[in-house]
Amino acid sequence: MPFDLTFKMYFTLILIFAIGFGIIYFILLFFGMSFSFIIAFAVLFFLLQWYISPKLIQFTSHLQYIKDNEYPKLHEIVNKLAGQIQVPIPRIAISASKEPNAFVFGRTKKSSTLVIHKGLLDILNNDELEAVIGHELGHLKHNDMIVLTFISFIPMLAYLIAQNMFFSSIFGGYGNSRRNVDYLVIFGIIAFLVYLIAQLLMLSLSRSRESYADAFSAKTTKKPAALASSLFKISYHNINNTNKPDSNIQSFYIINYFNVERDMKEIKEHFKEIKEMVPDVDLNYLIKDISKQKKNFWGVLNSLYSTHPATYKRIVDLAKIKKGL
């Protein structure tokens, strides 16, 4: 794993747990819970999340695991790239979803699953499909799905505590005194602020890991232009999609198409670089009715709360890699 990604990962983990667990500890301690109970609760909560997350993803995504004699080209690409980068071959599952996307999930590398949406197979050629799979196996190589599951623990726990504090203050939990209600509101606000800060740190790390997965795919497959083309196609095909997926798993996708409308607006500013990377795509047609995005407060806030870098930025970065290759 690259040093700067490793450093950012550990720095984010330490910071999230130092801020989050410290404040959560004092809140729970205030209500008379012992240190051993708090530690046991935190560990059990994390283990439960780690254990059930893959099952929830399987259930919500309606996956169909494919056999060795099904989708031979898909097996060929996955086996070749997994052997090349020396990771365990993941199980392959097909989602019937028509929204083009892909993601990888699992508790460990050996138990991982690579999910390909049916819509992705419909729009990508073999080179583009290989580039997307290279991106997903890059996540597997760097243990991204495990790291993100681990790092999302504190934001989720802080949010649950904040929710419980506000709920208890309204309905008179932990005693009915005015003093207790005031403390509940204050602690609820603190826990919610912890959630927001931890979420920002987690999303920043998520964006970094997406960028590294792009670079990993480009350098492994030697096809940065194919990945750029696939990113653009996925964004465009999803921009008018009305059936949005569960936001809880959006960070797993190769493209977070909650943001594709913003991405398509910004693409116009970088027409030249993208045209060089995706010469066969008629960009003029795709962006003719899209206005330039305003660099205002809400645009900045939206980018901070994005799980993925903007698509045009990813394509421009791939253009730099292609030049280097």
C-alpha atoms as a PDB file:
ATOM      1  CA  MET A   1       0.000   0.000   0.000  1.00  0.00           C
ATOM      2  CA  PRO A   2       1.406   3.475  -0.853  1.00  0.00           C
ATOM      3  CA  PHE A   3       2.964   5.256   2.132  1.00  0.00           C
ATOM      4  CA  ASP A   4       0.779   8.375   1.905  1.00  0.00           C
ATOM      5  CA  LEU A   5      -2.396   6.271   1.761  1.00  0.00           C
ATOM      6  CA  THR A   6      -1.195   4.191   4.728  1.00  0.00           C
ATOM      7  CA  PHE A   7      -0.362   7.348   6.685  1.00  0.00           C
ATOM      8  CA  LYS A   8      -3.730   8.939   5.944  1.00  0.00           C
ATOM      9  CA  MET A   9      -5.545   5.737   6.877  1.00  0.00           C
ATOM     10  CA  TYR A  10      -3.865   5.395  10.291  1.00  0.00           C
ATOM     11  CA  PHE A  11      -4.046   9.123  10.964  1.00  0.00           C
ATOM     12  CA  THR A  12      -7.785   9.097  10.242  1.00  0.00           C
ATOM     13  CA  LEU A  13      -8.345   5.995  12.360  1.00  0.00           C
ATOM     14  CA  ILE A  14      -6.474   7.458  15.338  1.00  0.00           C
ATOM     15  CA  LEU A  15      -8.191  10.826  15.045  1.00  0.00           C
ATOM     16  CA  ILE A  16     -11.687   9.384  14.681  1.00  0.00           C
ATOM     17  CA  PHE A  17     -11.278   7.043  17.628  1.00  0.00           C
ATOM     18  CA  ALA A  18      -9.545   9.664  19.793  1.00  0.00           C
ATOM     19  CA  ILE A  19     -12.344  12.201  19.245  1.00  0.00           C
ATOM     20  CA  GLY A  20     -15.255   9.813  18.992  1.00  0.00           C
ATOM     21  CA  PHE A  21     -14.509   7.224  21.630  1.00  0.00           C
ATOM     22  CA  GLY A  22     -13.284   9.832  24.127  1.00  0.00           C
ATOM     23  CA  ILE A  23     -16.493  11.880  24.026  1.00  0.00           C
ATOM     24  CA  ILE A  24     -18.736   8.824  23.829  1.00  0.00           C
ATOM     25  CA  TYR A  25     -16.911   7.401  26.850  1.00  0.00           C
ATOM     26  CA  PHE A  26     -17.570  10.501  28.977  1.00  0.00           C
ATOM     27  CA  ILE A  27     -21.216  10.630  27.933  1.00  0.00           C
ATOM     28  CA  LEU A  28     -21.838   7.004  28.873  1.00  0.00           C
ATOM     29  CA  LEU A  29     -19.750   7.342  32.038  1.00  0.00           C
ATOM     30  CA  PHE A  30     -21.913  10.298  33.111  1.00  0.00           C
ATOM     31  CA  PHE A  31     -24.925   8.008  33.164  1.00  0.00           C
ATOM     32  CA  GLY A  32     -23.214   5.561  35.481  1.00  0.00           C
ATOM     33  CA  MET A  33     -21.986   2.941  33.033  1.00  0.00           C
ATOM     34  CA  SER A  34     -18.729   1.258  34.018  1.00  0.00           C
ATOM     35  CA  PHE A  35     -15.557   1.386  31.920  1.00  0.00           C
ATOM     36  CA  SER A  36     -15.679  -2.370  31.313  1.00  0.00           C
ATOM     37  CA  PHE A  37     -19.293  -2.112  30.122  1.00  0.00           C
ATOM     38  CA  ILE A  38     -18.402   0.703  27.706  1.00  0.00           C
ATOM     39  CA  ILE A  39     -15.466  -1.253  26.260  1.00  0.00           C
ATOM     40  CA  ALA A  40     -17.528  -4.439  25.984  1.00  0.00           C
ATOM     41  CA  PHE A  41     -20.402  -2.556  24.360  1.00  0.00           C
ATOM     42  CA  ALA A  42     -18.092  -0.891  21.803  1.00  0.00           C
ATOM     43  CA  VAL A  43     -16.323  -4.154  20.902  1.00  0.00           C
ATOM     44  CA  LEU A  44     -19.557  -6.140  20.597  1.00  0.00           C
ATOM     45  CA  PHE A  45     -21.173  -3.384  18.538  1.00  0.00           C
ATOM     46  CA  PHE A  46     -18.236  -3.351  16.122  1.00  0.00           C
ATOM     47  CA  LEU A  47     -18.098  -7.149  15.831  1.00  0.00           C
ATOM     48  CA  LEU A  48     -21.831  -7.235  15.135  1.00  0.00           C
ATOM     49  CA  GLN A  49     -21.432  -4.595  12.424  1.00  0.00           C
ATOM     50  CA  TRP A  50     -18.432  -6.432  10.926  1.00  0.00           C
ATOM     51  CA  TYR A  51     -20.323  -9.735  10.923  1.00  0.00           C
ATOM     52  CA  ILE A  52     -23.707  -8.664   9.578  1.00  0.00           C
ATOM     53  CA  SER A  53     -22.604  -5.989   7.052  1.00  0.00           C
ATOM     54  CA  PRO A  54     -21.869  -8.507   4.236  1.00  0.00           C
ATOM     55  CA  LYS A  55     -25.196 -10.246   4.874  1.00  0.00           C
ATOM     56  CA  LEU A  56     -27.063  -6.927   4.689  1.00  0.00           C
ATOM     57  CA  ILE A  57     -25.334  -6.080   1.407  1.00  0.00           C
ATOM     58  CA  GLN A  58     -26.237  -9.484  -0.035  1.00  0.00           C
ATOM     59  CA  PHE A  59     -29.856  -9.035   1.007  1.00  0.00           C
ATOM     60  CA  THR A  60     -30.306  -5.456  -0.225  1.00  0.00           C
ATOM     61  CA  SER A  61     -28.464  -6.020  -3.517  1.00  0.00           C
ATOM     62  CA  HIS A  62     -30.355  -9.215  -4.503  1.00  0.00           C
ATOM     63  CA  LEU A  63     -27.171 -10.955  -5.626  1.00  0.00           C
ATOM     64  CA  GLN A  64     -26.905 -14.070  -7.747  1.00  0.00           C
ATOM     65  CA  TYR A  65     -23.573 -15.879  -7.347  1.00  0.00           C
ATOM     66  CA  ILE A  66     -22.435 -17.272 -10.674  1.00  0.00           C
ATOM     67  CA  LYS A  67     -20.952 -20.702 -11.390  1.00  0.00           C
ATOM     68  CA  ASP A  68     -17.627 -21.398 -13.082  1.00  0.00           C
ATOM     69  CA  ASN A  69     -19.294 -22.143 -16.411  1.00  0.00           C
ATOM     70  CA  GLU A  70     -21.288 -18.878 -16.413  1.00  0.00           C
ATOM     71  CA  TYR A  71     -19.948 -15.582 -17.765  1.00  0.00           C
ATOM     72  CA  PRO A  72     -16.623 -17.120 -18.924  1.00  0.00           C
ATOM     73  CA  LYS A  73     -15.138 -13.762 -19.968  1.00  0.00           C
ATOM     74  CA  LEU A  74     -15.811 -12.350 -16.531  1.00  0.00           C
ATOM     75  CA  HIS A  75     -14.094 -15.305 -14.854  1.00  0.00           C
ATOM     76  CA  GLU A  76     -11.153 -14.998 -17.239  1.00  0.00           C
ATOM     77  CA  ILE A  77     -10.595 -11.311 -16.428  1.00  0.00           C
ATOM     78  CA  VAL A  78     -10.973 -11.771 -12.662  1.00  0.00           C
ATOM     79  CA  ASN A  79      -8.672 -14.810 -12.519  1.00  0.00           C
ATOM     80  CA  LYS A  80      -6.001 -13.094 -14.626  1.00  0.00           C
ATOM     81  CA  LEU A  81      -5.958  -9.868 -12.616  1.00  0.00           C
ATOM     82  CA  ALA A  82      -6.207 -11.614  -9.220  1.00  0.00           C
ATOM     83  CA  GLY A  83      -3.197 -13.751 -10.123  1.00  0.00           C
ATOM     84  CA  GLN A  84      -1.309 -10.734 -11.425  1.00  0.00           C
ATOM     85  CA  ILE A  85      -1.749  -8.680  -8.248  1.00  0.00           C
ATOM     86  CA  GLN A  86      -1.605 -11.716  -5.936  1.00  0.00           C
ATOM     87  CA  VAL A  87      -4.943 -11.520  -4.137  1.00  0.00           C
ATOM     88  CA  PRO A  88      -7.409 -14.366  -3.471  1.00  0.00           C
ATOM     89  CA  ILE A  89      -9.905 -14.797  -6.287  1.00  0.00           C
ATOM     90  CA  PRO A  90     -13.171 -13.312  -5.026  1.00  0.00           C
ATOM     91  CA  ARG A  91     -16.553 -14.897  -5.525  1.00  0.00           C
ATOM     92  CA  ILE A  92     -18.395 -13.256  -8.401  1.00  0.00           C
ATOM     93  CA  ALA A  93     -22.009 -12.196  -8.105  1.00  0.00           C
ATOM     94  CA  ILE A  94     -24.319 -10.537 -10.596  1.00  0.00           C
ATOM     95  CA  SER A  95     -26.845  -7.930  -9.528  1.00  0.00           C
ATOM     96  CA  ALA A  96     -29.918  -7.651 -11.724  1.00  0.00           C
ATOM     97  CA  SER A  97     -29.793  -3.874 -11.331  1.00  0.00           C
ATOM     98  CA  LYS A  98     -29.792  -2.021 -14.649  1.00  0.00           C
ATOM     99  CA  GLU A  99     -27.754   0.859 -13.179  1.00  0.00           C
ATOM    100  CA  PRO A 100     -24.178   0.288 -14.347  1.00  0.00           C
ATOM    101  CA  ASN A 101     -21.901  -0.176 -11.355  1.00  0.00           C
ATOM    102  CA  ALA A 102     -19.604  -2.580  -9.536  1.00  0.00           C
ATOM    103  CA  PHE A 103     -18.277  -3.044  -6.033  1.00  0.00           C
ATOM    104  CA  VAL A 104     -16.434  -5.480  -3.794  1.00  0.00           C
ATOM    105  CA  PHE A 105     -17.287  -6.363  -0.199  1.00  0.00           C
ATOM    106  CA  GLY A 106     -16.484  -8.931   2.465  1.00  0.00           C
ATOM    107  CA  ARG A 107     -15.148  -9.506   5.966  1.00  0.00           C
ATOM    108  CA  THR A 108     -11.716 -10.588   4.714  1.00  0.00           C
ATOM    109  CA  LYS A 109      -9.874 -10.884   1.409  1.00  0.00           C
ATOM    110  CA  LYS A 110     -10.559 -14.611   1.278  1.00  0.00           C
ATOM    111  CA  SER A 111     -14.290 -14.173   1.869  1.00  0.00           C
ATOM    112  CA  SER A 112     -14.724 -11.237  -0.510  1.00  0.00           C
ATOM    113  CA  THR A 113     -17.320 -10.920  -3.257  1.00  0.00           C
ATOM    114  CA  LEU A 114     -17.023  -8.956  -6.477  1.00  0.00           C
ATOM    115  CA  VAL A 115     -20.423  -7.649  -7.582  1.00  0.00           C
ATOM    116  CA  ILE A 116     -21.099  -6.663 -11.182  1.00  0.00           C
ATOM    117  CA  HIS A 117     -24.366  -4.974 -12.063  1.00  0.00           C
ATOM    118  CA  LYS A 118     -26.110  -6.351 -15.142  1.00  0.00           C
ATOM    119  CA  GLY A 119     -26.324  -2.794 -16.434  1.00  0.00           C
ATOM    120  CA  LEU A 120     -22.518  -2.562 -16.417  1.00  0.00           C
ATOM    121  CA  LEU A 121     -22.140  -5.613 -18.647  1.00  0.00           C
ATOM    122  CA  ASP A 122     -24.588  -4.063 -21.097  1.00  0.00           C
ATOM    123  CA  ILE A 123     -22.610  -0.866 -21.744  1.00  0.00           C
ATOM    124  CA  LEU A 124     -18.886  -1.695 -21.377  1.00  0.00           C
ATOM    125  CA  ASN A 125     -16.550  -3.406 -23.807  1.00  0.00           C
ATOM    126  CA  ASN A 126     -13.982  -5.962 -22.617  1.00  0.00           C
ATOM    127  CA  ASP A 127     -11.174  -3.439 -22.037  1.00  0.00           C
ATOM    128  CA  GLU A 128     -13.468  -1.172 -20.022  1.00  0.00           C
ATOM    129  CA  LEU A 129     -14.780  -4.099 -18.009  1.00  0.00           C
ATOM    130  CA  GLU A 130     -11.215  -5.204 -17.246  1.00  0.00           C
ATOM    131  CA  ALA A 131     -10.334  -1.679 -16.099  1.00  0.00           C
ATOM    132  CA  VAL A 132     -13.346  -1.556 -13.765  1.00  0.00           C
ATOM    133  CA  ILE A 133     -12.513  -4.977 -12.317  1.00  0.00           C
ATOM    134  CA  GLY A 134      -8.909  -3.809 -11.876  1.00  0.00           C
ATOM    135  CA  HIS A 135     -10.249  -0.875  -9.844  1.00  0.00           C
ATOM    136  CA  GLU A 136     -12.339  -3.162  -7.639  1.00  0.00           C
ATOM    137  CA  LEU A 137      -9.480  -5.607  -7.090  1.00  0.00           C
ATOM    138  CA  GLY A 138      -7.365  -2.601  -6.160  1.00  0.00           C
ATOM    139  CA  HIS A 139      -9.790  -2.063  -3.282  1.00  0.00           C
ATOM    140  CA  LEU A 140      -9.342  -5.715  -2.365  1.00  0.00           C
ATOM    141  CA  LYS A 141      -5.542  -5.444  -2.553  1.00  0.00           C
ATOM    142  CA  HIS A 142      -5.577  -2.477  -0.152  1.00  0.00           C
ATOM    143  CA  ASN A 143      -8.236  -3.996   2.187  1.00  0.00           C
ATOM    144  CA  ASP A 144     -10.451  -0.976   1.535  1.00  0.00           C
ATOM    145  CA  MET A 145     -13.774  -2.667   2.286  1.00  0.00           C
ATOM    146  CA  ILE A 146     -12.464  -3.846   5.670  1.00  0.00           C
ATOM    147  CA  VAL A 147     -10.946  -0.454   6.501  1.00  0.00           C
ATOM    148  CA  LEU A 148     -14.145   1.427   5.600  1.00  0.00           C
ATOM    149  CA  THR A 149     -16.261  -0.981   7.649  1.00  0.00           C
ATOM    150  CA  PHE A 150     -13.909  -0.479  10.596  1.00  0.00           C
ATOM    151  CA  ILE A 151     -13.660   3.293  10.250  1.00  0.00           C
ATOM    152  CA  SER A 152     -17.423   3.763   9.886  1.00  0.00           C
ATOM    153  CA  PHE A 153     -17.929   2.299  13.372  1.00  0.00           C
ATOM    154  CA  ILE A 154     -17.431   5.523  15.374  1.00  0.00           C
ATOM    155  CA  PRO A 155     -19.686   7.723  13.174  1.00  0.00           C
ATOM    156  CA  MET A 156     -22.436   5.111  13.356  1.00  0.00           C
ATOM    157  CA  LEU A 157     -22.098   4.694  17.125  1.00  0.00           C
ATOM    158  CA  ALA A 158     -22.029   8.480  17.688  1.00  0.00           C
ATOM    159  CA  TYR A 159     -25.155   8.885  15.572  1.00  0.00           C
ATOM    160  CA  LEU A 160     -27.015   6.193  17.531  1.00  0.00           C
ATOM    161  CA  ILE A 161     -26.019   7.798  20.830  1.00  0.00           C
ATOM    162  CA  ALA A 162     -27.085  11.261  19.620  1.00  0.00           C
ATOM    163  CA  GLN A 163     -30.406   9.876  18.471  1.00  0.00           C
ATOM    164  CA  ASN A 164     -30.922   8.141  21.806  1.00  0.00           C
ATOM    165  CA  MET A 165     -30.016  11.288  23.785  1.00  0.00           C
ATOM    166  CA  PHE A 166     -32.531  13.447  21.908  1.00  0.00           C
ATOM    167  CA  PHE A 167     -35.203  10.765  22.126  1.00  0.00           C
ATOM    168  CA  SER A 168     -34.676  10.378  25.875  1.00  0.00           C
ATOM    169  CA  SER A 169     -34.787  14.154  26.476  1.00  0.00           C
ATOM    170  CA  ILE A 170     -38.191  14.336  24.766  1.00  0.00           C
ATOM    171  CA  PHE A 171     -39.754  11.342  26.511  1.00  0.00           C
ATOM    172  CA  GLY A 172     -38.152  11.767  29.927  1.00  0.00           C
ATOM    173  CA  GLY A 173     -35.559   9.011  29.993  1.00  0.00           C
ATOM    174  CA  TYR A 174     -32.809   8.843  32.665  1.00  0.00           C
ATOM    175  CA  GLY A 175     -35.063  10.571  35.211  1.00  0.00           C
ATOM    176  CA  ASN A 176     -37.385  13.475  34.784  1.00  0.00           C
ATOM    177  CA  SER A 177     -35.340  16.310  36.335  1.00  0.00           C
ATOM    178  CA  ARG A 178     -34.767  19.474  34.329  1.00  0.00           C
ATOM    179  CA  ARG A 179     -31.027  19.069  34.899  1.00  0.00           C
ATOM    180  CA  ASN A 180     -30.959  15.600  33.358  1.00  0.00           C
ATOM    181  CA  VAL A 181     -32.975  16.738  30.336  1.00  0.00           C
ATOM    182  CA  ASP A 182     -30.562  19.637  29.771  1.00  0.00           C
ATOM    183  CA  TYR A 183     -27.589  17.274  29.921  1.00  0.00           C
ATOM    184  CA  LEU A 184     -29.280  14.892  27.507  1.00  0.00           C
ATOM    185  CA  VAL A 185     -29.729  17.680  24.964  1.00  0.00           C
ATOM    186  CA  ILE A 186     -26.124  18.882  25.394  1.00  0.00           C
ATOM    187  CA  PHE A 187     -24.683  15.375  25.115  1.00  0.00           C
ATOM    188  CA  GLY A 188     -26.906  14.688  22.136  1.00  0.00           C
ATOM    189  CA  ILE A 189     -25.559  17.776  20.370  1.00  0.00           C
ATOM    190  CA  ILE A 190     -21.956  16.790  21.216  1.00  0.00           C
ATOM    191  CA  ALA A 191     -22.479  13.248  19.944  1.00  0.00           C
ATOM    192  CA  PHE A 192     -24.033  14.582  16.749  1.00  0.00           C
ATOM    193  CA  LEU A 193     -21.045  16.903  16.215  1.00  0.00           C
ATOM    194  CA  VAL A 194     -18.746  13.912  16.721  1.00  0.00           C
ATOM    195  CA  TYR A 195     -20.755  12.093  14.080  1.00  0.00           C
ATOM    196  CA  LEU A 196     -20.375  14.966  11.582  1.00  0.00           C
ATOM    197  CA  ILE A 197     -16.634  15.369  12.152  1.00  0.00           C
ATOM    198  CA  ALA A 198     -15.953  11.632  12.042  1.00  0.00           C
ATOM    199  CA  GLN A 199     -18.088  11.318   8.913  1.00  0.00           C
ATOM    200  CA  LEU A 200     -16.076  14.054   7.168  1.00  0.00           C
ATOM    201  CA  LEU A 201     -12.814  12.301   8.042  1.00  0.00           C
ATOM    202  CA  MET A 202     -14.152   8.959   6.859  1.00  0.00           C
ATOM    203  CA  LEU A 203     -15.407  10.397   3.560  1.00  0.00           C
ATOM    204  CA  SER A 204     -12.074  12.122   2.940  1.00  0.00           C
ATOM    205  CA  LEU A 205     -10.319   8.778   3.357  1.00  0.00           C
ATOM    206  CA  SER A 206     -12.910   7.125   1.097  1.00  0.00           C
ATOM    207  CA  ARG A 207     -12.176   9.630  -1.695  1.00  0.00           C
ATOM    208  CA  SER A 208      -8.436   9.020  -1.348  1.00  0.00           C
ATOM    209  CA  ARG A 209      -8.903   5.268  -1.582  1.00  0.00           C
ATOM    210  CA  GLU A 210     -11.015   5.663  -4.726  1.00  0.00           C
ATOM    211  CA  SER A 211      -8.249   7.707  -6.355  1.00  0.00           C
ATOM    212  CA  TYR A 212      -5.659   5.077  -5.463  1.00  0.00           C
ATOM    213  CA  ALA A 213      -7.898   2.306  -6.797  1.00  0.00           C
ATOM    214  CA  ASP A 214      -8.129   4.214 -10.102  1.00  0.00           C
ATOM    215  CA  ALA A 215      -4.353   4.561 -10.265  1.00  0.00           C
ATOM    216  CA  PHE A 216      -3.899   0.911  -9.312  1.00  0.00           C
ATOM    217  CA  SER A 217      -6.190  -0.233 -12.120  1.00  0.00           C
ATOM    218  CA  ALA A 218      -4.538   2.030 -14.692  1.00  0.00           C
ATOM    219  CA  LYS A 219      -1.032   0.827 -13.841  1.00  0.00           C
ATOM    220  CA  THR A 220      -2.036  -2.840 -13.505  1.00  0.00           C
ATOM    221  CA  THR A 221      -4.064  -3.152 -16.702  1.00  0.00           C
ATOM    222  CA  LYS A 222      -2.061  -0.480 -18.605  1.00  0.00           C
ATOM    223  CA  LYS A 223      -5.459   0.793 -19.803  1.00  0.00           C
ATOM    224  CA  PRO A 224      -6.129   4.168 -18.149  1.00  0.00           C
ATOM    225  CA  ALA A 225      -8.146   5.339 -21.147  1.00  0.00           C
ATOM    226  CA  ALA A 226     -10.447   2.314 -20.802  1.00  0.00           C
ATOM    227  CA  LEU A 227     -11.091   3.149 -17.155  1.00  0.00           C
ATOM    228  CA  ALA A 228     -11.723   6.802 -18.037  1.00  0.00           C
ATOM    229  CA  SER A 229     -14.197   5.747 -20.712  1.00  0.00           C
ATOM    230  CA  SER A 230     -15.984   3.395 -18.313  1.00  0.00           C
ATOM    231  CA  LEU A 231     -16.258   6.077 -15.607  1.00  0.00           C
ATOM    232  CA  PHE A 232     -17.760   8.479 -18.107  1.00  0.00           C
ATOM    233  CA  LYS A 233     -20.221   5.921 -19.455  1.00  0.00           C
ATOM    234  CA  ILE A 234     -21.358   4.946 -15.963  1.00  0.00           C
ATOM    235  CA  SER A 235     -21.881   8.588 -14.971  1.00  0.00           C
ATOM    236  CA  TYR A 236     -23.831   9.388 -18.115  1.00  0.00           C
ATOM    237  CA  HIS A 237     -26.069   6.320 -17.982  1.00  0.00           C
ATOM    238  CA  ASN A 238     -26.909   6.944 -14.345  1.00  0.00           C
ATOM    239  CA  ILE A 239     -27.525  10.683 -14.517  1.00  0.00           C
ATOM    240  CA  ASN A 240     -31.228  10.269 -15.295  1.00  0.00           C
ATOM    241  CA  ASN A 241     -31.697   7.230 -13.079  1.00  0.00           C
ATOM    242  CA  THR A 242     -34.741   7.634 -10.821  1.00  0.00           C
ATOM    243  CA  ASN A 243     -34.273   4.430  -8.794  1.00  0.00           C
ATOM    244  CA  LYS A 244     -31.506   5.463  -6.431  1.00  0.00           C
ATOM    245  CA  PRO A 245     -29.748   2.714  -4.427  1.00  0.00           C
ATOM    246  CA  ASP A 246     -29.451   2.447  -0.678  1.00  0.00           C
ATOM    247  CA  SER A 247     -27.232   5.347   0.429  1.00  0.00           C
ATOM    248  CA  ASN A 248     -25.678   3.136   3.110  1.00  0.00           C
ATOM    249  CA  ILE A 249     -23.660   1.203   0.516  1.00  0.00           C
ATOM    250  CA  GLN A 250     -22.906   4.024  -1.923  1.00  0.00           C
ATOM    251  CA  SER A 251     -19.266   4.196  -0.770  1.00  0.00           C
ATOM    252  CA  PHE A 252     -18.744   0.675  -2.136  1.00  0.00           C
ATOM    253  CA  TYR A 253     -19.661   1.588  -5.720  1.00  0.00           C
ATOM    254  CA  ILE A 254     -17.077   2.448  -8.371  1.00  0.00           C
ATOM    255  CA  ILE A 255     -19.074   5.641  -8.963  1.00  0.00           C
ATOM    256  CA  ASN A 256     -21.314   7.345  -6.461  1.00  0.00           C
ATOM    257  CA  TYR A 257     -24.110   8.350  -8.789  1.00  0.00           C
ATOM    258  CA  PHE A 258     -25.726  10.521  -6.173  1.00  0.00           C
ATOM    259  CA  ASN A 259     -23.231  13.074  -7.539  1.00  0.00           C
ATOM    260  CA  VAL A 260     -23.235  12.384 -11.270  1.00  0.00           C
ATOM    261  CA  GLU A 261     -25.315  15.462 -12.083  1.00  0.00           C
ATOM    262  CA  ARG A 262     -22.695  17.668 -10.459  1.00  0.00           C
ATOM    263  CA  ASP A 263     -19.935  15.717 -12.216  1.00  0.00           C
ATOM    264  CA  MET A 264     -21.513  16.159 -15.624  1.00  0.00           C
ATOM    265  CA  LYS A 265     -21.765  19.904 -15.040  1.00  0.00           C
ATOM    266  CA  GLU A 266     -18.094  20.187 -14.173  1.00  0.00           C
ATOM    267  CA  ILE A 267     -17.005  18.069 -17.117  1.00  0.00           C
ATOM    268  CA  LYS A 268     -17.650  21.020 -19.416  1.00  0.00           C
ATOM    269  CA  GLU A 269     -14.821  22.939 -17.743  1.00  0.00           C
ATOM    270  CA  HIS A 270     -12.363  20.153 -18.566  1.00  0.00           C
ATOM    271  CA  PHE A 271     -13.520  19.344 -22.063  1.00  0.00           C
ATOM    272  CA  LYS A 272     -10.027  19.243 -23.588  1.00  0.00           C
ATOM    273  CA  GLU A 273      -8.465  16.815 -21.104  1.00  0.00           C
ATOM    274  CA  ILE A 274     -11.455  14.483 -21.167  1.00  0.00           C
ATOM    275  CA  LYS A 275     -11.719  14.566 -24.942  1.00  0.00           C
ATOM    276  CA  GLU A 276      -8.122  13.416 -25.129  1.00  0.00           C
ATOM    277  CA  MET A 277      -8.888  10.522 -22.795  1.00  0.00           C
ATOM    278  CA  VAL A 278     -12.255   9.522 -24.302  1.00  0.00           C
ATOM    279  CA  PRO A 279     -11.962  10.494 -27.992  1.00  0.00           C
ATOM    280  CA  ASP A 280     -14.752   8.180 -29.170  1.00  0.00           C
ATOM    281  CA  VAL A 281     -17.409   9.679 -26.897  1.00  0.00           C
ATOM    282  CA  ASP A 282     -19.430  12.616 -28.207  1.00  0.00           C
ATOM    283  CA  LEU A 283     -18.941  14.931 -25.250  1.00  0.00           C
ATOM    284  CA  ASN A 284     -20.647  17.857 -26.989  1.00  0.00           C
ATOM    285  CA  TYR A 285     -23.874  15.918 -27.174  1.00  0.00           C
ATOM    286  CA  LEU A 286     -23.644  14.789 -23.561  1.00  0.00           C
ATOM    287  CA  ILE A 287     -23.031  18.219 -22.058  1.00  0.00           C
ATOM    288  CA  LYS A 288     -24.795  20.599 -24.448  1.00  0.00           C
ATOM    289  CA  ASP A 289     -27.597  21.395 -21.981  1.00  0.00           C
ATOM    290  CA  ILE A 290     -25.514  21.359 -18.807  1.00  0.00           C
ATOM    291  CA  SER A 291     -24.491  24.661 -17.268  1.00  0.00           C
ATOM    292  CA  LYS A 292     -21.274  25.374 -15.476  1.00  0.00           C
ATOM    293  CA  GLN A 293     -21.346  24.445 -11.805  1.00  0.00           C
ATOM    294  CA  LYS A 294     -21.136  27.322  -9.359  1.00  0.00           C
ATOM    295  CA  LYS A 295     -18.307  27.211  -6.848  1.00  0.00           C
ATOM    296  CA  ASN A 296     -20.523  28.246  -3.950  1.00  0.00           C
ATOM    297  CA  PHE A 297     -20.848  27.115  -0.350  1.00  0.00           C
ATOM    298  CA  TRP A 298     -23.260  24.304  -1.154  1.00  0.00           C
ATOM    299  CA  GLY A 299     -21.005  23.004  -3.919  1.00  0.00           C
ATOM    300  CA  VAL A 300     -18.065  22.834  -1.505  1.00  0.00           C
ATOM    301  CA  LEU A 301     -20.211  21.175   1.169  1.00  0.00           C
ATOM    302  CA  ASN A 302     -21.466  18.635  -1.340  1.00  0.00           C
ATOM    303  CA  SER A 303     -17.900  17.730  -2.337  1.00  0.00           C
ATOM    304  CA  LEU A 304     -16.890  17.313   1.319  1.00  0.00           C
ATOM    305  CA  TYR A 305     -19.750  14.860   1.856  1.00  0.00           C
ATOM    306  CA  SER A 306     -19.052  12.874  -1.311  1.00  0.00           C
ATOM    307  CA  THR A 307     -17.768   9.306  -1.037  1.00  0.00           C
ATOM    308  CA  HIS A 308     -15.981   9.611  -4.404  1.00  0.00           C
ATOM    309  CA  PRO A 309     -13.943  12.286  -6.182  1.00  0.00           C
ATOM    310  CA  ALA A 310     -15.785  14.026  -9.021  1.00  0.00           C
ATOM    311  CA  THR A 311     -15.720  11.909 -12.182  1.00  0.00           C
ATOM    312  CA  TYR A 312     -14.035  14.613 -14.255  1.00  0.00           C
ATOM    313  CA  LYS A 313     -11.224  14.858 -11.674  1.00  0.00           C
ATOM    314  CA  ARG A 314     -10.711  11.114 -11.844  1.00  0.00           C
ATOM    315  CA  ILE A 315     -10.534  11.232 -15.630  1.00  0.00           C
ATOM    316  CA  VAL A 316      -8.043  14.109 -15.572  1.00  0.00           C
ATOM    317  CA  ASP A 317      -5.880  12.134 -13.099  1.00  0.00           C
ATOM    318  CA  LEU A 318      -6.039   9.127 -15.418  1.00  0.00           C
ATOM    319  CA  ALA A 319      -4.893  11.363 -18.275  1.00  0.00           C
ATOM    320  CA  LYS A 320      -1.777  12.191 -16.263  1.00  0.00           C
ATOM    321  CA  ILE A 321      -1.139   8.505 -15.611  1.00  0.00           C
ATOM    322  CA  LYS A 322      -1.554   7.705 -19.298  1.00  0.00           C
ATOM    323  CA  LYS A 323       1.007  10.378 -20.139  1.00  0.00           C
ATOM    324  CA  GLY A 324       3.402   8.827 -17.623  1.00  0.00           C
ATOM    325  CA  LEU A 325       2.921   5.347 -19.049  1.00  0.00           C
END
